[in-house]
Amino acid sequence: MVQLIFLGSCVHAASESDAAFKARKAQAQTNFAQLLKATDLKRNDLVWTSGDCPVCSPLNGTTYPDGWTTPPPLHHNCDCVIDVQPKAK
């Protein structure tokens, strides 16, 4: 299993500045575009994992593009990741 981590870690909610969040989100968009190019979506799913906050927890276990289209981070200090998992047969 491959895991792409979007530079996130669980830290105090007030500790990430707007500038840091915007930079992390921009990098995440670039990383996600690269992941989409490198992943065979006919054989694998991109699965949202790790969200334990009220914003992200409903996305846990959902796949791209059915459950979400914007990769993490969705909010300041978001520590969610996208896993590449083989499609269930």
PDB file of N, CA and C in Angstrom:
ATOM      1  N   MET A   1       0.845  -1.180   0.000  1.00  0.00           N
ATOM      2  CA  MET A   1       0.000   0.000   0.000  1.00  0.00           C
ATOM      3  C   MET A   1       0.888   1.240   0.000  1.00  0.00           C
ATOM      4  N   VAL A   2       0.542   2.194  -0.837  1.00  0.00           N
ATOM      5  CA  VAL A   2       1.260   3.464  -0.924  1.00  0.00           C
ATOM      6  C   VAL A   2       0.451   4.507  -0.175  1.00  0.00           C
ATOM      7  N   GLN A   3       1.118   5.361   0.548  1.00  0.00           N
ATOM      8  CA  GLN A   3       0.416   6.406   1.272  1.00  0.00           C
ATOM      9  C   GLN A   3       1.060   7.739   0.933  1.00  0.00           C
ATOM     10  N   LEU A   4       0.227   8.694   0.559  1.00  0.00           N
ATOM     11  CA  LEU A   4       0.714  10.032   0.282  1.00  0.00           C
ATOM     12  C   LEU A   4       0.281  10.914   1.433  1.00  0.00           C
ATOM     13  N   ILE A   5       1.230  11.523   2.100  1.00  0.00           N
ATOM     14  CA  ILE A   5       0.925  12.385   3.232  1.00  0.00           C
ATOM     15  C   ILE A   5       1.092  13.822   2.788  1.00  0.00           C
ATOM     16  N   PHE A   6       0.124  14.629   3.082  1.00  0.00           N
ATOM     17  CA  PHE A   6       0.125  16.012   2.641  1.00  0.00           C
ATOM     18  C   PHE A   6       0.676  16.942   3.705  1.00  0.00           C
ATOM     19  N   LEU A   7       1.897  16.676   4.104  1.00  0.00           N
ATOM     20  CA  LEU A   7       2.630  17.571   5.008  1.00  0.00           C
ATOM     21  C   LEU A   7       1.852  17.931   6.252  1.00  0.00           C
ATOM     22  N   GLY A   8       0.943  17.098   6.674  1.00  0.00           N
ATOM     23  CA  GLY A   8       0.110  17.427   7.822  1.00  0.00           C
ATOM     24  C   GLY A   8       0.519  16.656   9.054  1.00  0.00           C
ATOM     25  N   SER A   9       0.216  17.219  10.176  1.00  0.00           N
ATOM     26  CA  SER A   9       0.362  16.512  11.432  1.00  0.00           C
ATOM     27  C   SER A   9      -0.648  17.110  12.393  1.00  0.00           C
ATOM     28  N   CYS A  10      -0.986  16.366  13.388  1.00  0.00           N
ATOM     29  CA  CYS A  10      -1.990  16.822  14.339  1.00  0.00           C
ATOM     30  C   CYS A  10      -1.324  17.778  15.322  1.00  0.00           C
ATOM     31  N   VAL A  11      -1.695  19.017  15.256  1.00  0.00           N
ATOM     32  CA  VAL A  11      -1.153  20.035  16.147  1.00  0.00           C
ATOM     33  C   VAL A  11      -2.290  20.906  16.643  1.00  0.00           C
ATOM     34  N   HIS A  12      -1.999  21.758  17.594  1.00  0.00           N
ATOM     35  CA  HIS A  12      -3.025  22.627  18.155  1.00  0.00           C
ATOM     36  C   HIS A  12      -3.653  23.491  17.068  1.00  0.00           C
ATOM     37  N   ALA A  13      -4.958  23.631  17.109  1.00  0.00           N
ATOM     38  CA  ALA A  13      -5.712  24.303  16.052  1.00  0.00           C
ATOM     39  C   ALA A  13      -5.238  25.721  15.766  1.00  0.00           C
ATOM     40  N   ALA A  14      -4.754  26.417  16.766  1.00  0.00           N
ATOM     41  CA  ALA A  14      -4.354  27.812  16.565  1.00  0.00           C
ATOM     42  C   ALA A  14      -2.906  27.936  16.085  1.00  0.00           C
ATOM     43  N   SER A  15      -2.210  26.827  15.889  1.00  0.00           N
ATOM     44  CA  SER A  15      -0.779  26.925  15.615  1.00  0.00           C
ATOM     45  C   SER A  15      -0.407  27.042  14.140  1.00  0.00           C
ATOM     46  N   GLU A  16      -1.330  26.830  13.206  1.00  0.00           N
ATOM     47  CA  GLU A  16      -0.996  26.947  11.784  1.00  0.00           C
ATOM     48  C   GLU A  16      -1.511  28.276  11.246  1.00  0.00           C
ATOM     49  N   SER A  17      -0.615  29.073  10.725  1.00  0.00           N
ATOM     50  CA  SER A  17      -1.002  30.381  10.190  1.00  0.00           C
ATOM     51  C   SER A  17      -1.747  30.216   8.867  1.00  0.00           C
ATOM     52  N   ASP A  18      -2.433  31.256   8.458  1.00  0.00           N
ATOM     53  CA  ASP A  18      -3.121  31.233   7.163  1.00  0.00           C
ATOM     54  C   ASP A  18      -2.122  31.040   6.025  1.00  0.00           C
ATOM     55  N   ALA A  19      -0.979  31.695   6.123  1.00  0.00           N
ATOM     56  CA  ALA A  19       0.039  31.569   5.075  1.00  0.00           C
ATOM     57  C   ALA A  19       0.555  30.139   4.991  1.00  0.00           C
ATOM     58  N   ALA A  20       0.799  29.514   6.136  1.00  0.00           N
ATOM     59  CA  ALA A  20       1.280  28.130   6.144  1.00  0.00           C
ATOM     60  C   ALA A  20       0.214  27.189   5.575  1.00  0.00           C
ATOM     61  N   PHE A  21      -1.040  27.418   5.921  1.00  0.00           N
ATOM     62  CA  PHE A  21      -2.129  26.587   5.412  1.00  0.00           C
ATOM     63  C   PHE A  21      -2.246  26.723   3.894  1.00  0.00           C
ATOM     64  N   LYS A  22      -2.198  27.958   3.402  1.00  0.00           N
ATOM     65  CA  LYS A  22      -2.296  28.176   1.951  1.00  0.00           C
ATOM     66  C   LYS A  22      -1.141  27.519   1.208  1.00  0.00           C
ATOM     67  N   ALA A  23       0.059  27.592   1.769  1.00  0.00           N
ATOM     68  CA  ALA A  23       1.222  26.962   1.140  1.00  0.00           C
ATOM     69  C   ALA A  23       1.078  25.435   1.152  1.00  0.00           C
ATOM     70  N   ARG A  24       0.611  24.891   2.255  1.00  0.00           N
ATOM     71  CA  ARG A  24       0.423  23.445   2.363  1.00  0.00           C
ATOM     72  C   ARG A  24      -0.659  22.966   1.410  1.00  0.00           C
ATOM     73  N   LYS A  25      -1.733  23.749   1.265  1.00  0.00           N
ATOM     74  CA  LYS A  25      -2.822  23.394   0.357  1.00  0.00           C
ATOM     75  C   LYS A  25      -2.335  23.434  -1.099  1.00  0.00           C
ATOM     76  N   ALA A  26      -1.550  24.444  -1.454  1.00  0.00           N
ATOM     77  CA  ALA A  26      -1.010  24.533  -2.813  1.00  0.00           C
ATOM     78  C   ALA A  26      -0.098  23.345  -3.112  1.00  0.00           C
ATOM     79  N   GLN A  27       0.744  22.971  -2.158  1.00  0.00           N
ATOM     80  CA  GLN A  27       1.618  21.816  -2.349  1.00  0.00           C
ATOM     81  C   GLN A  27       0.794  20.536  -2.458  1.00  0.00           C
ATOM     82  N   ALA A  28      -0.268  20.443  -1.689  1.00  0.00           N
ATOM     83  CA  ALA A  28      -1.134  19.262  -1.739  1.00  0.00           C
ATOM     84  C   ALA A  28      -1.790  19.115  -3.106  1.00  0.00           C
ATOM     85  N   GLN A  29      -2.179  20.215  -3.716  1.00  0.00           N
ATOM     86  CA  GLN A  29      -2.774  20.164  -5.056  1.00  0.00           C
ATOM     87  C   GLN A  29      -1.761  19.630  -6.067  1.00  0.00           C
ATOM     88  N   THR A  30      -0.523  20.075  -5.966  1.00  0.00           N
ATOM     89  CA  THR A  30       0.538  19.588  -6.846  1.00  0.00           C
ATOM     90  C   THR A  30       0.790  18.106  -6.609  1.00  0.00           C
ATOM     91  N   ASN A  31       0.897  17.713  -5.344  1.00  0.00           N
ATOM     92  CA  ASN A  31       1.116  16.307  -5.004  1.00  0.00           C
ATOM     93  C   ASN A  31      -0.022  15.433  -5.515  1.00  0.00           C
ATOM     94  N   PHE A  32      -1.246  15.924  -5.385  1.00  0.00           N
ATOM     95  CA  PHE A  32      -2.401  15.138  -5.806  1.00  0.00           C
ATOM     96  C   PHE A  32      -2.423  14.977  -7.326  1.00  0.00           C
ATOM     97  N   ALA A  33      -2.084  16.022  -8.048  1.00  0.00           N
ATOM     98  CA  ALA A  33      -2.017  15.929  -9.510  1.00  0.00           C
ATOM     99  C   ALA A  33      -0.992  14.876  -9.920  1.00  0.00           C
ATOM    100  N   GLN A  34       0.143  14.840  -9.241  1.00  0.00           N
ATOM    101  CA  GLN A  34       1.169  13.834  -9.529  1.00  0.00           C
ATOM    102  C   GLN A  34       0.670  12.436  -9.173  1.00  0.00           C
ATOM    103  N   LEU A  35      -0.032  12.318  -8.070  1.00  0.00           N
ATOM    104  CA  LEU A  35      -0.575  11.028  -7.661  1.00  0.00           C
ATOM    105  C   LEU A  35      -1.593  10.522  -8.679  1.00  0.00           C
ATOM    106  N   LEU A  36      -2.442  11.407  -9.183  1.00  0.00           N
ATOM    107  CA  LEU A  36      -3.427  11.012 -10.197  1.00  0.00           C
ATOM    108  C   LEU A  36      -2.739  10.499 -11.457  1.00  0.00           C
ATOM    109  N   LYS A  37      -1.665  11.153 -11.874  1.00  0.00           N
ATOM    110  CA  LYS A  37      -0.933  10.723 -13.070  1.00  0.00           C
ATOM    111  C   LYS A  37      -0.275   9.363 -12.859  1.00  0.00           C
ATOM    112  N   ALA A  38       0.180   9.106 -11.647  1.00  0.00           N
ATOM    113  CA  ALA A  38       0.950   7.897 -11.368  1.00  0.00           C
ATOM    114  C   ALA A  38       0.089   6.696 -10.970  1.00  0.00           C
ATOM    115  N   THR A  39      -1.190   6.912 -10.723  1.00  0.00           N
ATOM    116  CA  THR A  39      -2.049   5.841 -10.220  1.00  0.00           C
ATOM    117  C   THR A  39      -2.964   5.306 -11.316  1.00  0.00           C
ATOM    118  N   ASP A  40      -2.992   4.006 -11.455  1.00  0.00           N
ATOM    119  CA  ASP A  40      -3.915   3.346 -12.374  1.00  0.00           C
ATOM    120  C   ASP A  40      -5.268   3.231 -11.670  1.00  0.00           C
ATOM    121  N   LEU A  41      -6.180   4.147 -11.989  1.00  0.00           N
ATOM    122  CA  LEU A  41      -7.470   4.187 -11.315  1.00  0.00           C
ATOM    123  C   LEU A  41      -8.403   3.062 -11.753  1.00  0.00           C
ATOM    124  N   LYS A  42      -8.007   2.299 -12.756  1.00  0.00           N
ATOM    125  CA  LYS A  42      -8.796   1.119 -13.122  1.00  0.00           C
ATOM    126  C   LYS A  42      -8.528  -0.023 -12.155  1.00  0.00           C
ATOM    127  N   ARG A  43      -7.332  -0.023 -11.571  1.00  0.00           N
ATOM    128  CA  ARG A  43      -6.957  -1.102 -10.648  1.00  0.00           C
ATOM    129  C   ARG A  43      -6.876  -0.660  -9.195  1.00  0.00           C
ATOM    130  N   ASN A  44      -6.801   0.656  -8.962  1.00  0.00           N
ATOM    131  CA  ASN A  44      -6.632   1.178  -7.601  1.00  0.00           C
ATOM    132  C   ASN A  44      -7.644   2.270  -7.300  1.00  0.00           C
ATOM    133  N   ASP A  45      -7.914   2.428  -6.021  1.00  0.00           N
ATOM    134  CA  ASP A  45      -8.738   3.539  -5.535  1.00  0.00           C
ATOM    135  C   ASP A  45      -7.862   4.498  -4.747  1.00  0.00           C
ATOM    136  N   LEU A  46      -8.221   5.766  -4.788  1.00  0.00           N
ATOM    137  CA  LEU A  46      -7.626   6.766  -3.912  1.00  0.00           C
ATOM    138  C   LEU A  46      -8.614   6.950  -2.770  1.00  0.00           C
ATOM    139  N   VAL A  47      -8.196   6.604  -1.554  1.00  0.00           N
ATOM    140  CA  VAL A  47      -9.095   6.543  -0.412  1.00  0.00           C
ATOM    141  C   VAL A  47      -8.683   7.566   0.638  1.00  0.00           C
ATOM    142  N   TRP A  48      -9.660   8.337   1.086  1.00  0.00           N
ATOM    143  CA  TRP A  48      -9.457   9.347   2.135  1.00  0.00           C
ATOM    144  C   TRP A  48      -9.347   8.639   3.472  1.00  0.00           C
ATOM    145  N   THR A  49      -8.306   8.951   4.256  1.00  0.00           N
ATOM    146  CA  THR A  49      -8.144   8.346   5.575  1.00  0.00           C
ATOM    147  C   THR A  49      -7.641   9.353   6.592  1.00  0.00           C
ATOM    148  N   SER A  50      -7.778   9.006   7.831  1.00  0.00           N
ATOM    149  CA  SER A  50      -7.207   9.710   8.992  1.00  0.00           C
ATOM    150  C   SER A  50      -8.023  10.852   9.541  1.00  0.00           C
ATOM    151  N   GLY A  51      -9.105  11.246   8.907  1.00  0.00           N
ATOM    152  CA  GLY A  51      -9.868  12.384   9.426  1.00  0.00           C
ATOM    153  C   GLY A  51     -10.611  12.039  10.700  1.00  0.00           C
ATOM    154  N   ASP A  52     -10.293  12.741  11.774  1.00  0.00           N
ATOM    155  CA  ASP A  52     -10.981  12.484  13.029  1.00  0.00           C
ATOM    156  C   ASP A  52     -11.698  13.725  13.555  1.00  0.00           C
ATOM    157  N   CYS A  53     -11.779  14.760  12.736  1.00  0.00           N
ATOM    158  CA  CYS A  53     -12.490  15.968  13.136  1.00  0.00           C
ATOM    159  C   CYS A  53     -13.875  15.958  12.486  1.00  0.00           C
ATOM    160  N   PRO A  54     -14.787  16.828  12.913  1.00  0.00           N
ATOM    161  CA  PRO A  54     -16.128  16.858  12.332  1.00  0.00           C
ATOM    162  C   PRO A  54     -16.138  17.204  10.843  1.00  0.00           C
ATOM    163  N   VAL A  55     -15.141  17.920  10.366  1.00  0.00           N
ATOM    164  CA  VAL A  55     -15.081  18.286   8.948  1.00  0.00           C
ATOM    165  C   VAL A  55     -14.694  17.082   8.096  1.00  0.00           C
ATOM    166  N   CYS A  56     -13.704  16.325   8.540  1.00  0.00           N
ATOM    167  CA  CYS A  56     -13.127  15.259   7.717  1.00  0.00           C
ATOM    168  C   CYS A  56     -13.649  13.858   8.018  1.00  0.00           C
ATOM    169  N   SER A  57     -14.113  13.610   9.208  1.00  0.00           N
ATOM    170  CA  SER A  57     -14.502  12.237   9.548  1.00  0.00           C
ATOM    171  C   SER A  57     -15.563  11.653   8.621  1.00  0.00           C
ATOM    172  N   PRO A  58     -16.514  12.439   8.083  1.00  0.00           N
ATOM    173  CA  PRO A  58     -17.465  11.845   7.140  1.00  0.00           C
ATOM    174  C   PRO A  58     -16.808  11.376   5.830  1.00  0.00           C
ATOM    175  N   LEU A  59     -15.607  11.852   5.537  1.00  0.00           N
ATOM    176  CA  LEU A  59     -14.913  11.477   4.304  1.00  0.00           C
ATOM    177  C   LEU A  59     -14.089  10.203   4.437  1.00  0.00           C
ATOM    178  N   ASN A  60     -13.844   9.753   5.657  1.00  0.00           N
ATOM    179  CA  ASN A  60     -13.028   8.555   5.867  1.00  0.00           C
ATOM    180  C   ASN A  60     -13.592   7.374   5.090  1.00  0.00           C
ATOM    181  N   GLY A  61     -12.724   6.736   4.326  1.00  0.00           N
ATOM    182  CA  GLY A  61     -13.107   5.558   3.564  1.00  0.00           C
ATOM    183  C   GLY A  61     -13.748   5.850   2.222  1.00  0.00           C
ATOM    184  N   THR A  62     -13.983   7.110   1.904  1.00  0.00           N
ATOM    185  CA  THR A  62     -14.572   7.446   0.607  1.00  0.00           C
ATOM    186  C   THR A  62     -13.480   7.511  -0.452  1.00  0.00           C
ATOM    187  N   THR A  63     -13.880   7.322  -1.700  1.00  0.00           N
ATOM    188  CA  THR A  63     -12.909   7.268  -2.783  1.00  0.00           C
ATOM    189  C   THR A  63     -13.086   8.432  -3.746  1.00  0.00           C
ATOM    190  N   TYR A  64     -12.012   8.741  -4.464  1.00  0.00           N
ATOM    191  CA  TYR A  64     -12.013   9.768  -5.497  1.00  0.00           C
ATOM    192  C   TYR A  64     -12.576   9.149  -6.776  1.00  0.00           C
ATOM    193  N   PRO A  65     -13.414   9.796  -7.518  1.00  0.00           N
ATOM    194  CA  PRO A  65     -14.039  11.093  -7.313  1.00  0.00           C
ATOM    195  C   PRO A  65     -15.434  10.997  -6.699  1.00  0.00           C
ATOM    196  N   ASP A  66     -15.849   9.795  -6.281  1.00  0.00           N
ATOM    197  CA  ASP A  66     -17.216   9.640  -5.775  1.00  0.00           C
ATOM    198  C   ASP A  66     -17.470  10.334  -4.449  1.00  0.00           C
ATOM    199  N   GLY A  67     -16.513  10.258  -3.517  1.00  0.00           N
ATOM    200  CA  GLY A  67     -16.730  10.807  -2.189  1.00  0.00           C
ATOM    201  C   GLY A  67     -16.181  12.205  -1.996  1.00  0.00           C
ATOM    202  N   TRP A  68     -15.222  12.605  -2.823  1.00  0.00           N
ATOM    203  CA  TRP A  68     -14.573  13.917  -2.684  1.00  0.00           C
ATOM    204  C   TRP A  68     -13.801  14.215  -3.958  1.00  0.00           C
ATOM    205  N   THR A  69     -13.518  15.478  -4.189  1.00  0.00           N
ATOM    206  CA  THR A  69     -12.723  15.873  -5.349  1.00  0.00           C
ATOM    207  C   THR A  69     -11.557  16.780  -4.967  1.00  0.00           C
ATOM    208  N   THR A  70     -11.590  17.367  -3.805  1.00  0.00           N
ATOM    209  CA  THR A  70     -10.505  18.232  -3.331  1.00  0.00           C
ATOM    210  C   THR A  70      -9.698  17.463  -2.297  1.00  0.00           C
ATOM    211  N   PRO A  71      -8.386  17.301  -2.506  1.00  0.00           N
ATOM    212  CA  PRO A  71      -7.583  16.546  -1.541  1.00  0.00           C
ATOM    213  C   PRO A  71      -7.326  17.342  -0.273  1.00  0.00           C
ATOM    214  N   PRO A  72      -6.935  16.643   0.790  1.00  0.00           N
ATOM    215  CA  PRO A  72      -6.574  17.365   2.010  1.00  0.00           C
ATOM    216  C   PRO A  72      -5.340  18.221   1.771  1.00  0.00           C
ATOM    217  N   PRO A  73      -5.188  19.283   2.521  1.00  0.00           N
ATOM    218  CA  PRO A  73      -5.914  19.634   3.741  1.00  0.00           C
ATOM    219  C   PRO A  73      -7.181  20.431   3.435  1.00  0.00           C
ATOM    220  N   LEU A  74      -8.227  20.146   4.189  1.00  0.00           N
ATOM    221  CA  LEU A  74      -9.467  20.913   4.047  1.00  0.00           C
ATOM    222  C   LEU A  74      -9.535  22.080   5.010  1.00  0.00           C
ATOM    223  N   HIS A  75      -8.742  22.041   6.060  1.00  0.00           N
ATOM    224  CA  HIS A  75      -8.795  23.078   7.096  1.00  0.00           C
ATOM    225  C   HIS A  75      -7.425  23.180   7.753  1.00  0.00           C
ATOM    226  N   HIS A  76      -7.236  24.199   8.557  1.00  0.00           N
ATOM    227  CA  HIS A  76      -5.982  24.367   9.291  1.00  0.00           C
ATOM    228  C   HIS A  76      -5.703  23.103  10.103  1.00  0.00           C
ATOM    229  N   ASN A  77      -4.444  22.665  10.081  1.00  0.00           N
ATOM    230  CA  ASN A  77      -3.962  21.518  10.847  1.00  0.00           C
ATOM    231  C   ASN A  77      -4.604  20.189  10.457  1.00  0.00           C
ATOM    232  N   CYS A  78      -5.180  20.123   9.290  1.00  0.00           N
ATOM    233  CA  CYS A  78      -5.751  18.875   8.783  1.00  0.00           C
ATOM    234  C   CYS A  78      -4.630  17.851   8.647  1.00  0.00           C
ATOM    235  N   ASP A  79      -4.840  16.661   9.192  1.00  0.00           N
ATOM    236  CA  ASP A  79      -3.799  15.631   9.110  1.00  0.00           C
ATOM    237  C   ASP A  79      -4.251  14.435   8.275  1.00  0.00           C
ATOM    238  N   CYS A  80      -5.205  14.633   7.403  1.00  0.00           N
ATOM    239  CA  CYS A  80      -5.710  13.561   6.558  1.00  0.00           C
ATOM    240  C   CYS A  80      -4.703  13.183   5.483  1.00  0.00           C
ATOM    241  N   VAL A  81      -4.835  11.959   4.993  1.00  0.00           N
ATOM    242  CA  VAL A  81      -3.971  11.454   3.935  1.00  0.00           C
ATOM    243  C   VAL A  81      -4.822  10.742   2.899  1.00  0.00           C
ATOM    244  N   ILE A  82      -4.232  10.546   1.733  1.00  0.00           N
ATOM    245  CA  ILE A  82      -4.869   9.780   0.662  1.00  0.00           C
ATOM    246  C   ILE A  82      -4.063   8.490   0.517  1.00  0.00           C
ATOM    247  N   ASP A  83      -4.751   7.360   0.636  1.00  0.00           N
ATOM    248  CA  ASP A  83      -4.113   6.062   0.451  1.00  0.00           C
ATOM    249  C   ASP A  83      -4.451   5.542  -0.948  1.00  0.00           C
ATOM    250  N   VAL A  84      -3.482   4.886  -1.566  1.00  0.00           N
ATOM    251  CA  VAL A  84      -3.726   4.161  -2.805  1.00  0.00           C
ATOM    252  C   VAL A  84      -3.960   2.719  -2.407  1.00  0.00           C
ATOM    253  N   GLN A  85      -5.161   2.208  -2.719  1.00  0.00           N
ATOM    254  CA  GLN A  85      -5.516   0.841  -2.338  1.00  0.00           C
ATOM    255  C   GLN A  85      -6.047   0.101  -3.561  1.00  0.00           C
ATOM    256  N   PRO A  86      -5.712  -1.189  -3.673  1.00  0.00           N
ATOM    257  CA  PRO A  86      -6.267  -1.966  -4.790  1.00  0.00           C
ATOM    258  C   PRO A  86      -7.790  -1.989  -4.702  1.00  0.00           C
ATOM    259  N   LYS A  87      -8.430  -1.911  -5.868  1.00  0.00           N
ATOM    260  CA  LYS A  87      -9.893  -1.971  -5.908  1.00  0.00           C
ATOM    261  C   LYS A  87     -10.356  -3.323  -5.381  1.00  0.00           C
ATOM    262  N   ALA A  88     -11.458  -3.285  -4.667  1.00  0.00           N
ATOM    263  CA  ALA A  88     -12.062  -4.526  -4.186  1.00  0.00           C
ATOM    264  C   ALA A  88     -12.605  -5.305  -5.383  1.00  0.00           C
ATOM    265  N   LYS A  89     -12.444  -6.605  -5.354  1.00  0.00           N
ATOM    266  CA  LYS A  89     -12.922  -7.421  -6.473  1.00  0.00           C
ATOM    267  C   LYS A  89     -14.261  -8.017  -6.192  1.00  0.00           C
TER     268      LYS A  89
END
